[in-house]
Amino acid sequence: MLASVRFCGDTEEQDAARNAGNRGGSVTKAILKAELRSTRGTKTAPAGQSPARFAAGGRGEQIGYAAQRSPFGWMIVGATERGLCWLSLAGTKAEADASLRAEFPLATLKRDASLAGWIEAALAMIAGQTKPAGPQLDLRGTAFQLRVWQELRKIPRGQKCSYSQLARELGAPNSTRAVARACAMNRVALVVPCHRVVGASGALTGYRWGVERKRMLLEAESE
């Protein structure tokens, strides 16, 4: 299990997190090459969908979705038959809907009110009212990204970890930049708690759904 972060100066880490933190987007060849360079010799990861599948815009997928207002803005969840594949935060319902369509432009999307329960479950996790296991997930990414997301779920509520510390926990101490990119590529906010990863100095750095929301989530978990 990851311990609370020990803060120390690490300019490179903060730059990597800041540069990656507000980017979502599809996996590019440059990112894949960088990950391969920085993660050579790491442990075997569980198999995930291939990068080509990851970048295919959800072609052939059937995704149900639901959205509702929350203390952190509008939340929208999307799920395939295999599990939760999207949980995003937005300022308005229109922005929430658009985020799902932008991430899976080739998928067939269908509103499913029953999935609102997954939003409530995610909020309960932030409030410390449920076990951290959460819903079944359908995560898509490279093998290294899947390892990062798995490790993120081990960070206890109310604690934080630095990007470089997370890289060390993965057995890849030179992969800080790849870790920051994996956090930025996370499609499932709250349930995969990338908001708990901060710069080595304690700075919040970047966050796919906005640094102010990251601050709000951390404050909610500290209560």
Protein backbone atom coordinates (compact mmCIF):
# COMPACT_ATOMS: atom_id res chain seq x y z
CA MET A 1 0.00 0.00 0.00
CA LEU A 2 1.24 3.49 -0.77
CA ALA A 3 2.21 5.64 2.18
CA SER A 4 1.47 9.34 2.50
CA VAL A 5 3.62 11.42 0.20
CA ARG A 6 6.97 12.70 1.42
CA PHE A 7 7.47 16.12 -0.11
CA CYS A 8 10.79 17.08 -1.62
CA GLY A 9 11.90 19.26 -4.51
CA ASP A 10 11.38 17.65 -7.92
CA THR A 11 11.06 20.20 -10.71
CA GLU A 12 11.01 17.58 -13.48
CA GLU A 13 8.11 15.78 -11.81
CA GLN A 14 6.08 18.94 -11.42
CA ASP A 15 6.71 19.91 -15.04
CA ALA A 16 5.64 16.47 -16.25
CA ALA A 17 2.46 16.56 -14.18
CA ARG A 18 1.61 20.10 -15.22
CA ASN A 19 2.16 19.35 -18.89
CA ALA A 20 0.17 16.11 -18.80
CA GLY A 21 -2.46 16.88 -16.19
CA ASN A 22 -4.96 18.73 -18.33
CA ARG A 23 -4.65 16.57 -21.46
CA GLY A 24 -7.07 13.75 -22.19
CA GLY A 25 -7.09 12.82 -25.85
CA SER A 26 -6.21 9.58 -27.59
CA VAL A 27 -2.96 7.65 -27.22
CA THR A 28 -0.34 8.86 -29.68
CA LYS A 29 2.77 7.15 -31.00
CA ALA A 30 4.93 9.64 -29.14
CA ILE A 31 3.33 8.71 -25.80
CA LEU A 32 3.72 5.02 -26.48
CA LYS A 33 7.39 5.42 -27.38
CA ALA A 34 8.02 7.49 -24.26
CA GLU A 35 6.37 4.84 -22.10
CA LEU A 36 8.45 2.09 -23.66
CA ARG A 37 11.64 4.04 -23.01
CA SER A 38 10.78 4.84 -19.40
CA THR A 39 9.33 1.47 -18.38
CA ARG A 40 11.81 -1.07 -19.79
CA GLY A 41 12.41 -3.83 -17.30
CA THR A 42 9.24 -3.26 -15.30
CA LYS A 43 7.08 -6.07 -14.01
CA THR A 44 4.50 -7.80 -16.18
CA ALA A 45 1.16 -5.98 -16.31
CA PRO A 46 -2.32 -7.38 -16.74
CA ALA A 47 -3.41 -7.43 -20.36
CA GLY A 48 -5.45 -4.47 -21.57
CA GLN A 49 -6.98 -3.47 -24.83
CA SER A 50 -4.45 -2.64 -27.52
CA PRO A 51 -3.46 0.99 -28.19
CA ALA A 52 -5.19 0.75 -31.59
CA ARG A 53 -8.42 -0.30 -29.88
CA PHE A 54 -7.90 2.40 -27.26
CA ALA A 55 -7.65 5.06 -29.98
CA ALA A 56 -10.56 3.73 -32.04
CA GLY A 57 -13.15 6.05 -30.51
CA GLY A 58 -15.25 3.20 -29.15
CA ARG A 59 -16.03 1.73 -32.55
CA GLY A 60 -18.48 -1.15 -32.16
CA GLU A 61 -19.15 -0.42 -28.47
CA GLN A 62 -22.59 -0.11 -26.86
CA ILE A 63 -22.30 2.41 -24.01
CA GLY A 64 -25.10 3.28 -21.60
CA TYR A 65 -24.83 6.55 -19.73
CA ALA A 66 -26.40 8.73 -17.05
CA ALA A 67 -25.64 12.20 -15.71
CA GLN A 68 -26.57 14.19 -12.64
CA ARG A 69 -25.46 17.19 -10.62
CA SER A 70 -23.00 16.66 -7.75
CA PRO A 71 -21.07 18.79 -5.24
CA PHE A 72 -18.18 18.73 -7.75
CA GLY A 73 -20.20 19.77 -10.80
CA TRP A 74 -22.10 17.62 -13.26
CA MET A 75 -21.04 13.99 -13.30
CA ILE A 76 -21.58 11.58 -16.16
CA VAL A 77 -20.93 7.84 -16.19
CA GLY A 78 -20.69 5.53 -19.17
CA ALA A 79 -20.66 1.75 -19.04
CA THR A 80 -20.26 -1.15 -21.42
CA GLU A 81 -21.50 -4.65 -20.66
CA ARG A 82 -18.09 -5.24 -19.04
CA GLY A 83 -18.25 -2.34 -16.58
CA LEU A 84 -17.73 1.36 -16.01
CA CYS A 85 -15.65 2.93 -18.79
CA TRP A 86 -16.23 6.66 -18.22
CA LEU A 87 -16.79 8.97 -15.27
CA SER A 88 -16.26 12.62 -15.99
CA LEU A 89 -16.80 15.95 -14.21
CA ALA A 90 -18.10 19.04 -15.98
CA GLY A 91 -19.57 22.48 -15.36
CA THR A 92 -22.87 21.84 -17.13
CA LYS A 93 -24.94 18.89 -18.26
CA ALA A 94 -24.23 19.80 -21.89
CA GLU A 95 -20.49 19.72 -21.21
CA ALA A 96 -20.84 16.38 -19.42
CA ASP A 97 -22.71 14.84 -22.35
CA ALA A 98 -20.20 16.32 -24.81
CA SER A 99 -17.27 14.82 -22.89
CA LEU A 100 -18.62 11.30 -23.34
CA ARG A 101 -19.36 11.83 -27.03
CA ALA A 102 -15.91 13.31 -27.60
CA GLU A 103 -14.18 10.37 -25.94
CA PHE A 104 -16.25 7.70 -27.72
CA PRO A 105 -17.34 9.36 -30.98
CA LEU A 106 -17.84 6.04 -32.80
CA ALA A 107 -19.71 4.21 -30.03
CA THR A 108 -23.47 3.74 -29.84
CA LEU A 109 -24.61 5.75 -26.80
CA LYS A 110 -27.88 5.15 -25.00
CA ARG A 111 -29.23 6.90 -21.93
CA ASP A 112 -29.66 4.49 -18.99
CA ALA A 113 -31.10 6.01 -15.82
CA SER A 114 -30.17 2.93 -13.80
CA LEU A 115 -26.50 3.89 -14.08
CA ALA A 116 -27.09 6.92 -11.85
CA GLY A 117 -26.50 4.54 -8.96
CA TRP A 118 -22.85 4.35 -10.03
CA ILE A 119 -22.57 8.12 -9.61
CA GLU A 120 -23.92 7.79 -6.09
CA ALA A 121 -21.47 4.96 -5.41
CA ALA A 122 -18.53 7.08 -6.58
CA LEU A 123 -19.63 10.00 -4.39
CA ALA A 124 -20.01 7.63 -1.45
CA MET A 125 -16.42 6.48 -1.97
CA ILE A 126 -15.21 10.09 -1.75
CA ALA A 127 -17.26 10.52 1.42
CA GLY A 128 -15.73 7.36 2.89
CA GLN A 129 -19.08 5.59 3.09
CA THR A 130 -18.27 2.51 1.01
CA LYS A 131 -15.43 0.07 0.52
CA PRO A 132 -12.82 1.31 -2.00
CA ALA A 133 -13.41 -1.62 -4.36
CA GLY A 134 -16.16 0.28 -6.19
CA PRO A 135 -17.94 -0.86 -9.36
CA GLN A 136 -16.63 -3.26 -11.99
CA LEU A 137 -14.41 -1.33 -14.41
CA ASP A 138 -13.85 -1.61 -18.14
CA LEU A 139 -10.47 0.15 -18.38
CA ARG A 140 -8.82 0.71 -21.74
CA GLY A 141 -5.18 1.60 -22.18
CA THR A 142 -1.65 0.35 -22.54
CA ALA A 143 -0.30 -2.26 -20.16
CA PHE A 144 1.65 0.42 -18.29
CA GLN A 145 -1.38 2.70 -17.96
CA LEU A 146 -3.40 -0.19 -16.53
CA ARG A 147 -0.68 -0.79 -13.94
CA VAL A 148 -0.71 2.89 -12.95
CA TRP A 149 -4.51 2.91 -12.62
CA GLN A 150 -4.41 -0.24 -10.51
CA GLU A 151 -1.83 1.35 -8.20
CA LEU A 152 -3.89 4.54 -7.93
CA ARG A 153 -6.75 2.54 -6.47
CA LYS A 154 -4.48 1.46 -3.61
CA ILE A 155 -3.98 5.02 -2.35
CA PRO A 156 -6.17 5.28 0.75
CA ARG A 157 -8.83 7.94 1.02
CA GLY A 158 -7.43 11.04 2.72
CA GLN A 159 -3.85 10.33 1.64
CA LYS A 160 -1.76 11.63 -1.24
CA CYS A 161 1.12 10.31 -3.32
CA SER A 162 3.63 12.05 -5.58
CA TYR A 163 4.12 11.08 -9.22
CA SER A 164 7.72 10.02 -8.56
CA GLN A 165 6.71 7.96 -5.53
CA LEU A 166 4.08 6.21 -7.62
CA ALA A 167 6.73 5.45 -10.24
CA ARG A 168 8.92 3.88 -7.55
CA GLU A 169 6.01 1.79 -6.25
CA LEU A 170 5.61 0.44 -9.78
CA GLY A 171 9.26 -0.57 -9.86
CA ALA A 172 9.97 1.98 -12.61
CA PRO A 173 11.62 4.97 -10.88
CA ASN A 174 12.50 6.63 -14.18
CA SER A 175 8.89 6.63 -15.41
CA THR A 176 7.62 9.79 -13.66
CA ARG A 177 6.59 11.40 -16.94
CA ALA A 178 4.79 8.25 -18.10
CA VAL A 179 3.00 8.08 -14.75
CA ALA A 180 1.86 11.69 -15.12
CA ARG A 181 0.59 10.92 -18.62
CA ALA A 182 -1.28 7.85 -17.37
CA CYS A 183 -2.98 9.97 -14.71
CA ALA A 184 -3.97 12.48 -17.40
CA MET A 185 -5.41 9.65 -19.54
CA ASN A 186 -7.57 8.26 -16.72
CA ARG A 187 -11.17 7.97 -17.96
CA VAL A 188 -12.77 7.14 -14.62
CA ALA A 189 -12.57 10.02 -12.15
CA LEU A 190 -13.02 9.38 -8.41
CA VAL A 191 -13.14 5.57 -8.75
CA VAL A 192 -9.58 5.60 -10.10
CA PRO A 193 -8.49 8.43 -7.79
CA CYS A 194 -5.83 10.25 -9.79
CA HIS A 195 -6.79 13.36 -7.78
CA ARG A 196 -4.75 11.89 -4.92
CA VAL A 197 -1.51 12.29 -6.89
CA VAL A 198 0.29 15.60 -6.38
CA GLY A 199 3.64 17.16 -7.17
CA ALA A 200 6.62 16.31 -4.97
CA SER A 201 6.38 19.76 -3.34
CA GLY A 202 2.71 19.19 -2.54
CA ALA A 203 1.49 21.35 -5.43
CA LEU A 204 -1.73 20.11 -7.02
CA THR A 205 -0.23 20.50 -10.53
CA GLY A 206 -2.61 19.35 -13.29
CA TYR A 207 -5.89 17.44 -13.30
CA ARG A 208 -7.92 16.35 -16.30
CA TRP A 209 -11.10 17.81 -14.80
CA GLY A 210 -9.56 21.00 -13.44
CA VAL A 211 -7.22 21.77 -10.55
CA GLU A 212 -9.99 23.46 -8.55
CA ARG A 213 -12.04 20.25 -8.66
CA LYS A 214 -8.96 18.35 -7.55
CA ARG A 215 -8.70 20.69 -4.58
CA MET A 216 -12.37 20.19 -3.75
CA LEU A 217 -12.06 16.41 -3.88
CA LEU A 218 -9.01 16.37 -1.61
CA GLU A 219 -10.73 18.70 0.85
CA ALA A 220 -13.82 16.48 0.87
CA GLU A 221 -11.65 13.46 1.66
CA SER A 222 -9.86 15.26 4.48
CA GLU A 223 -13.09 15.86 6.42
